């Protein structure tokens, strides 16, 4: 049921299990990764597509239940990448990555 809420939003959502096998990609994720096979990546392991530094970082994130957030720029587009383990009953079950385009200049609000 959750898929219907996320299938068409303009945010790439990629979900893996604890072993790194891709278990879900929404439409935007499939498009972002179309050069790697798009929807055909479901069932494939993310470790096959990352260098050893990234593999180590993902392993540590899964082991320690930590989050990684950063921005990138590619082809004139700026994105924020949010990577975090997902859990069930406080037990890590895999990783989720959200990737979405952001403007180069953004409003920032401090709220109290």
Protein backbone atom coordinates (compact mmCIF):
# COMPACT_ATOMS: atom_id res chain seq x y z
CA UNK A 1 0.00 0.00 0.00
CA UNK A 2 2.85 2.39 0.76
CA UNK A 3 4.02 2.09 -2.85
CA UNK A 4 0.97 3.99 -4.12
CA UNK A 5 2.02 7.04 -2.09
CA UNK A 6 5.61 7.07 -3.30
CA UNK A 7 5.52 5.66 -6.83
CA UNK A 8 5.16 9.00 -8.63
CA UNK A 9 6.62 11.67 -6.34
CA UNK A 10 9.67 13.53 -7.70
CA UNK A 11 12.00 11.93 -5.15
CA UNK A 12 14.07 8.86 -6.00
CA UNK A 13 13.42 6.21 -3.34
CA UNK A 14 15.56 3.08 -3.30
CA UNK A 15 15.22 0.46 -0.56
CA UNK A 16 17.48 -2.50 0.16
CA UNK A 17 17.35 -5.41 2.55
CA UNK A 18 20.07 -6.07 5.12
CA UNK A 19 22.25 -7.85 2.54
CA UNK A 20 22.14 -4.86 0.18
CA UNK A 21 19.71 -6.41 -2.30
CA UNK A 22 17.37 -3.81 -3.81
CA UNK A 23 13.79 -4.60 -2.81
CA UNK A 24 12.00 -1.43 -3.96
CA UNK A 25 12.50 1.41 -6.41
CA UNK A 26 9.88 4.04 -7.15
CA UNK A 27 9.45 5.49 -10.66
CA UNK A 28 11.95 8.32 -10.09
CA UNK A 29 14.59 5.90 -8.76
CA UNK A 30 14.12 3.69 -11.80
CA UNK A 31 14.66 6.73 -14.03
CA UNK A 32 17.71 7.96 -12.08
CA UNK A 33 19.34 4.55 -12.38
CA UNK A 34 18.17 3.72 -15.91
CA UNK A 35 21.80 3.61 -17.13
CA UNK A 36 22.34 0.71 -14.71
CA UNK A 37 19.17 -1.11 -15.71
CA UNK A 38 16.39 0.82 -13.94
CA UNK A 39 13.72 -1.51 -12.63
CA UNK A 40 15.93 -4.48 -13.54
CA UNK A 41 18.07 -3.52 -10.53
CA UNK A 42 15.42 -4.89 -8.17
CA UNK A 43 16.95 -8.02 -6.70
CA UNK A 44 20.50 -6.85 -7.50
CA UNK A 45 23.00 -5.99 -4.77
CA UNK A 46 24.02 -2.36 -4.27
CA UNK A 47 27.52 -3.40 -3.25
CA UNK A 48 28.15 -4.39 -6.88
CA UNK A 49 27.66 -0.74 -7.89
CA UNK A 50 29.77 0.98 -5.23
CA UNK A 51 33.50 1.33 -4.69
CA UNK A 52 35.17 -0.14 -1.60
CA UNK A 53 34.98 3.15 0.37
CA UNK A 54 31.23 3.38 -0.22
CA UNK A 55 30.80 -0.32 0.58
CA UNK A 56 32.58 0.18 3.91
CA UNK A 57 30.46 3.24 4.70
CA UNK A 58 27.21 1.39 3.94
CA UNK A 59 28.33 -1.56 6.06
CA UNK A 60 29.13 0.76 8.98
CA UNK A 61 25.79 2.57 8.60
CA UNK A 62 23.92 -0.74 8.74
CA UNK A 63 26.01 -1.99 11.66
CA UNK A 64 25.72 1.21 13.72
CA UNK A 65 22.28 2.42 12.53
CA UNK A 66 23.66 5.76 11.40
CA UNK A 67 22.54 8.19 8.69
CA UNK A 68 24.51 9.80 5.88
CA UNK A 69 23.32 13.05 4.28
CA UNK A 70 25.12 15.10 1.64
CA UNK A 71 24.60 17.15 -1.49
CA UNK A 72 25.94 16.51 -4.99
CA UNK A 73 26.03 18.39 -8.26
CA UNK A 74 25.93 16.53 -11.56
CA UNK A 75 25.05 17.79 -15.04
CA UNK A 76 24.05 21.18 -13.64
CA UNK A 77 21.60 19.67 -11.13
CA UNK A 78 22.06 19.85 -7.38
CA UNK A 79 20.65 17.04 -5.25
CA UNK A 80 20.46 16.10 -1.63
CA UNK A 81 21.12 12.46 -0.81
CA UNK A 82 19.70 10.99 2.38
CA UNK A 83 20.78 7.45 3.28
CA UNK A 84 19.64 5.71 6.42
CA UNK A 85 18.96 2.23 7.72
CA UNK A 86 15.32 1.28 8.08
CA UNK A 87 14.25 -0.68 11.12
CA UNK A 88 11.50 -2.90 12.47
CA UNK A 89 11.18 -2.97 16.26
CA UNK A 90 14.54 -1.15 16.50
CA UNK A 91 16.29 -3.86 14.46
CA UNK A 92 18.04 -2.76 11.27
CA UNK A 93 16.50 -4.49 8.26
CA UNK A 94 18.12 -2.62 5.38
CA UNK A 95 18.89 0.75 3.86
CA UNK A 96 16.78 3.46 2.26
CA UNK A 97 18.11 6.20 0.01
CA UNK A 98 16.18 9.33 -0.88
CA UNK A 99 17.58 11.50 -3.65
CA UNK A 100 15.94 14.69 -4.80
CA UNK A 101 16.76 17.81 -6.74
CA UNK A 102 17.16 21.04 -4.81
CA UNK A 103 17.74 24.61 -5.96
CA UNK A 104 21.28 26.00 -5.76
CA UNK A 105 19.94 28.81 -3.60
CA UNK A 106 17.44 27.79 -0.95
CA UNK A 107 15.49 29.63 1.67
CA UNK A 108 16.48 28.71 5.20
CA UNK A 109 14.24 29.33 8.18
CA UNK A 110 15.12 29.17 11.86
CA UNK A 111 12.13 28.19 13.92
CA UNK A 112 11.68 28.13 17.66
